[in-house]
C-alpha atoms as a PDB file:
ATOM      1  CA  MET A   1      66.559 -27.510  86.290  1.00  0.00           C
ATOM      2  CA  ARG A   2      62.945 -29.313  88.127  1.00  0.00           C
ATOM      3  CA  PHE A   3      62.289 -31.586  84.711  1.00  0.00           C
ATOM      4  CA  ARG A   4      64.017 -34.545  85.050  1.00  0.00           C
ATOM      5  CA  HIS A   5      63.197 -35.787  80.803  1.00  0.00           C
ATOM      6  CA  TYR A   6      62.970 -32.649  79.914  1.00  0.00           C
ATOM      7  CA  ARG A   7      65.810 -32.670  76.962  1.00  0.00           C
ATOM      8  CA  GLY A   8      65.445 -28.738  75.816  1.00  0.00           C
ATOM      9  CA  LYS A   9      69.331 -27.054  74.996  1.00  0.00           C
ATOM     10  CA  SER A  10      67.784 -23.529  77.686  1.00  0.00           C
ATOM     11  CA  PRO A  11      65.680 -23.913  80.103  1.00  0.00           C
ATOM     12  CA  PRO A  12      61.904 -23.804  79.206  1.00  0.00           C
ATOM     13  CA  ARG A  13      59.831 -20.411  79.397  1.00  0.00           C
ATOM     14  CA  PHE A  14      55.788 -20.834  79.032  1.00  0.00           C
ATOM     15  CA  ALA A  15      53.757 -18.277  76.869  1.00  0.00           C
ATOM     16  CA  HIS A  16      50.582 -20.473  78.810  1.00  0.00           C
ATOM     17  CA  PRO A  17      50.611 -22.228  82.769  1.00  0.00           C
ATOM     18  CA  ALA A  18      48.235 -25.681  80.452  1.00  0.00           C
ATOM     19  CA  GLU A  19      51.966 -25.759  78.775  1.00  0.00           C
ATOM     20  CA  GLU A  20      53.785 -25.477  81.796  1.00  0.00           C
ATOM     21  CA  GLU A  21      51.415 -28.597  82.812  1.00  0.00           C
ATOM     22  CA  LEU A  22      51.693 -30.537  79.956  1.00  0.00           C
ATOM     23  CA  ALA A  23      55.464 -30.365  80.450  1.00  0.00           C
ATOM     24  CA  GLU A  24      54.788 -31.329  84.126  1.00  0.00           C
ATOM     25  CA  LEU A  25      52.351 -34.120  83.569  1.00  0.00           C
ATOM     26  CA  LEU A  26      54.917 -35.649  80.368  1.00  0.00           C
ATOM     27  CA  ASP A  27      57.800 -35.577  83.143  1.00  0.00           C
ATOM     28  CA  ALA A  28      56.334 -37.332  85.699  1.00  0.00           C
ATOM     29  CA  GLU A  29      55.204 -40.442  83.233  1.00  0.00           C
ATOM     30  CA  GLY A  30      59.063 -40.186  82.220  1.00  0.00           C
ATOM     31  CA  ILE A  31      58.675 -38.667  78.375  1.00  0.00           C
ATOM     32  CA  PRO A  32      61.059 -37.432  77.102  1.00  0.00           C
ATOM     33  CA  TRP A  33      59.949 -33.739  75.719  1.00  0.00           C
ATOM     34  CA  GLU A  34      61.192 -30.672  74.428  1.00  0.00           C
ATOM     35  CA  TYR A  35      59.544 -27.156  74.613  1.00  0.00           C
ATOM     36  CA  GLU A  36      59.351 -25.297  71.668  1.00  0.00           C
ATOM     37  CA  PRO A  37      62.102 -26.895  69.429  1.00  0.00           C
ATOM     38  CA  ARG A  38      61.261 -26.307  65.784  1.00  0.00           C
ATOM     39  CA  THR A  39      59.543 -23.891  64.215  1.00  0.00           C
ATOM     40  CA  PHE A  40      58.399 -24.911  61.349  1.00  0.00           C
ATOM     41  CA  PRO A  41      57.875 -22.716  56.940  1.00  0.00           C
ATOM     42  CA  LEU A  42      54.893 -23.963  55.495  1.00  0.00           C
ATOM     43  CA  GLU A  43      54.618 -20.816  52.957  1.00  0.00           C
ATOM     44  CA  LEU A  44      57.634 -18.492  51.696  1.00  0.00           C
ATOM     45  CA  GLY A  45      57.484 -15.199  49.504  1.00  0.00           C
ATOM     46  CA  PRO A  46      59.159 -15.348  46.896  1.00  0.00           C
ATOM     47  CA  ASP A  47      62.378 -13.337  48.122  1.00  0.00           C
ATOM     48  CA  GLY A  48      62.092 -16.590  49.982  1.00  0.00           C
ATOM     49  CA  SER A  49      60.763 -15.008  53.291  1.00  0.00           C
ATOM     50  CA  VAL A  50      58.819 -16.633  55.800  1.00  0.00           C
ATOM     51  CA  HIS A  51      54.996 -15.498  56.068  1.00  0.00           C
ATOM     52  CA  GLU A  52      53.473 -18.332  57.663  1.00  0.00           C
ATOM     53  CA  ALA A  53      55.039 -20.773  59.928  1.00  0.00           C
ATOM     54  CA  ILE A  54      54.374 -22.758  62.836  1.00  0.00           C
ATOM     55  CA  THR A  55      55.978 -23.671  65.851  1.00  0.00           C
ATOM     56  CA  PRO A  56      54.672 -26.336  68.117  1.00  0.00           C
ATOM     57  CA  ASP A  57      54.473 -26.578  71.566  1.00  0.00           C
ATOM     58  CA  PHE A  58      56.354 -29.902  72.247  1.00  0.00           C
ATOM     59  CA  TYR A  59      58.673 -32.628  71.429  1.00  0.00           C
ATOM     60  CA  LEU A  60      58.849 -35.986  71.811  1.00  0.00           C
ATOM     61  CA  PRO A  61      61.868 -37.124  70.468  1.00  0.00           C
ATOM     62  CA  GLU A  62      61.242 -40.480  71.522  1.00  0.00           C
ATOM     63  CA  ALA A  63      58.032 -40.453  69.889  1.00  0.00           C
ATOM     64  CA  ASP A  64      59.710 -38.324  67.081  1.00  0.00           C
ATOM     65  CA  ALA A  65      56.257 -36.685  67.591  1.00  0.00           C
ATOM     66  CA  TYR A  66      55.081 -32.714  68.096  1.00  0.00           C
ATOM     67  CA  ILE A  67      51.600 -32.425  70.029  1.00  0.00           C
ATOM     68  CA  GLU A  68      50.661 -28.154  69.571  1.00  0.00           C
ATOM     69  CA  CYS A  69      48.229 -27.345  72.709  1.00  0.00           C
ATOM     70  CA  THR A  70      44.999 -25.550  72.000  1.00  0.00           C
ATOM     71  CA  VAL A  71      43.999 -24.659  75.410  1.00  0.00           C
ATOM     72  CA  MET A  72      44.783 -21.516  75.391  1.00  0.00           C
ATOM     73  CA  LYS A  73      42.503 -19.420  72.521  1.00  0.00           C
ATOM     74  CA  GLN A  74      39.943 -21.802  71.130  1.00  0.00           C
ATOM     75  CA  SER A  75      39.165 -18.765  68.455  1.00  0.00           C
ATOM     76  CA  ASN A  76      41.972 -20.015  66.903  1.00  0.00           C
ATOM     77  CA  THR A  77      41.485 -23.304  66.483  1.00  0.00           C
ATOM     78  CA  HIS A  78      40.617 -23.027  62.671  1.00  0.00           C
ATOM     79  CA  LYS A  79      43.703 -20.826  62.061  1.00  0.00           C
ATOM     80  CA  LYS A  80      46.106 -23.764  63.936  1.00  0.00           C
ATOM     81  CA  ASN A  81      44.142 -26.760  62.539  1.00  0.00           C
ATOM     82  CA  ARG A  82      44.970 -25.213  59.391  1.00  0.00           C
ATOM     83  CA  LYS A  83      48.963 -25.157  60.225  1.00  0.00           C
ATOM     84  CA  ILE A  84      48.736 -27.965  61.670  1.00  0.00           C
ATOM     85  CA  ARG A  85      47.233 -29.571  58.289  1.00  0.00           C
ATOM     86  CA  LYS A  86      49.920 -28.517  56.721  1.00  0.00           C
ATOM     87  CA  LEU A  87      52.883 -29.485  58.865  1.00  0.00           C
ATOM     88  CA  ARG A  88      51.355 -32.916  58.637  1.00  0.00           C
ATOM     89  CA  GLU A  89      51.492 -33.414  54.504  1.00  0.00           C
ATOM     90  CA  ARG A  90      54.953 -32.637  55.196  1.00  0.00           C
ATOM     91  CA  GLY A  91      55.348 -36.108  56.696  1.00  0.00           C
ATOM     92  CA  GLU A  92      55.664 -35.028  59.737  1.00  0.00           C
ATOM     93  CA  ILE A  93      53.463 -35.990  63.122  1.00  0.00           C
ATOM     94  CA  VAL A  94      51.668 -33.842  65.282  1.00  0.00           C
ATOM     95  CA  ALA A  95      49.107 -34.006  67.693  1.00  0.00           C
ATOM     96  CA  VAL A  96      46.434 -31.851  69.114  1.00  0.00           C
ATOM     97  CA  LEU A  97      45.615 -31.448  71.900  1.00  0.00           C
ATOM     98  CA  TYR A  98      41.847 -28.824  72.318  1.00  0.00           C
ATOM     99  CA  ARG A  99      41.426 -27.880  75.666  1.00  0.00           C
ATOM    100  CA  ARG A 100      38.615 -31.294  76.243  1.00  0.00           C
ATOM    101  CA  ASP A 101      41.892 -33.458  76.115  1.00  0.00           C
ATOM    102  CA  PHE A 102      43.359 -31.582  78.161  1.00  0.00           C
ATOM    103  CA  GLN A 103      41.244 -31.432  80.471  1.00  0.00           C
ATOM    104  CA  ARG A 104      41.341 -36.007  80.252  1.00  0.00           C
ATOM    105  CA  LEU A 105      44.667 -35.450  81.130  1.00  0.00           C
ATOM    106  CA  ARG A 106      44.408 -33.167  83.910  1.00  0.00           C
ATOM    107  CA  ALA A 107      42.006 -35.540  85.346  1.00  0.00           C
ATOM    108  CA  LYS A 108      43.157 -38.551  85.147  1.00  0.00           C
ATOM    109  CA  TYR A 109      46.492 -37.858  86.096  1.00  0.00           C
ATOM    110  CA  ARG A 110      46.337 -34.535  88.595  1.00  0.00           C
ATOM    111  CA  SER A 111      43.309 -36.146  90.443  1.00  0.00           C
END
């Protein structure tokens, strides 16, 4: 496997090249990480079916924190932020990485 610090059970299959780039940055810095390891149900129907859920992109086990990338579709930012807020209300630590944040990371670590 090309990632030394990946802690998932099966090889990651990234949804977007930006996620793969972030994984490479985390790995290069020696930060253990997992890719989409857990889906959190946010709203359940009366029958217990999941009506709304979120699967954060990365989990950092040593920090017990999640990272959600929003560089893919900025038009989904409002909806994603609402889901993140609900997840934080449940006590989860979630950092949101917006396009501008990702560009700063890229400039700092890829230059």
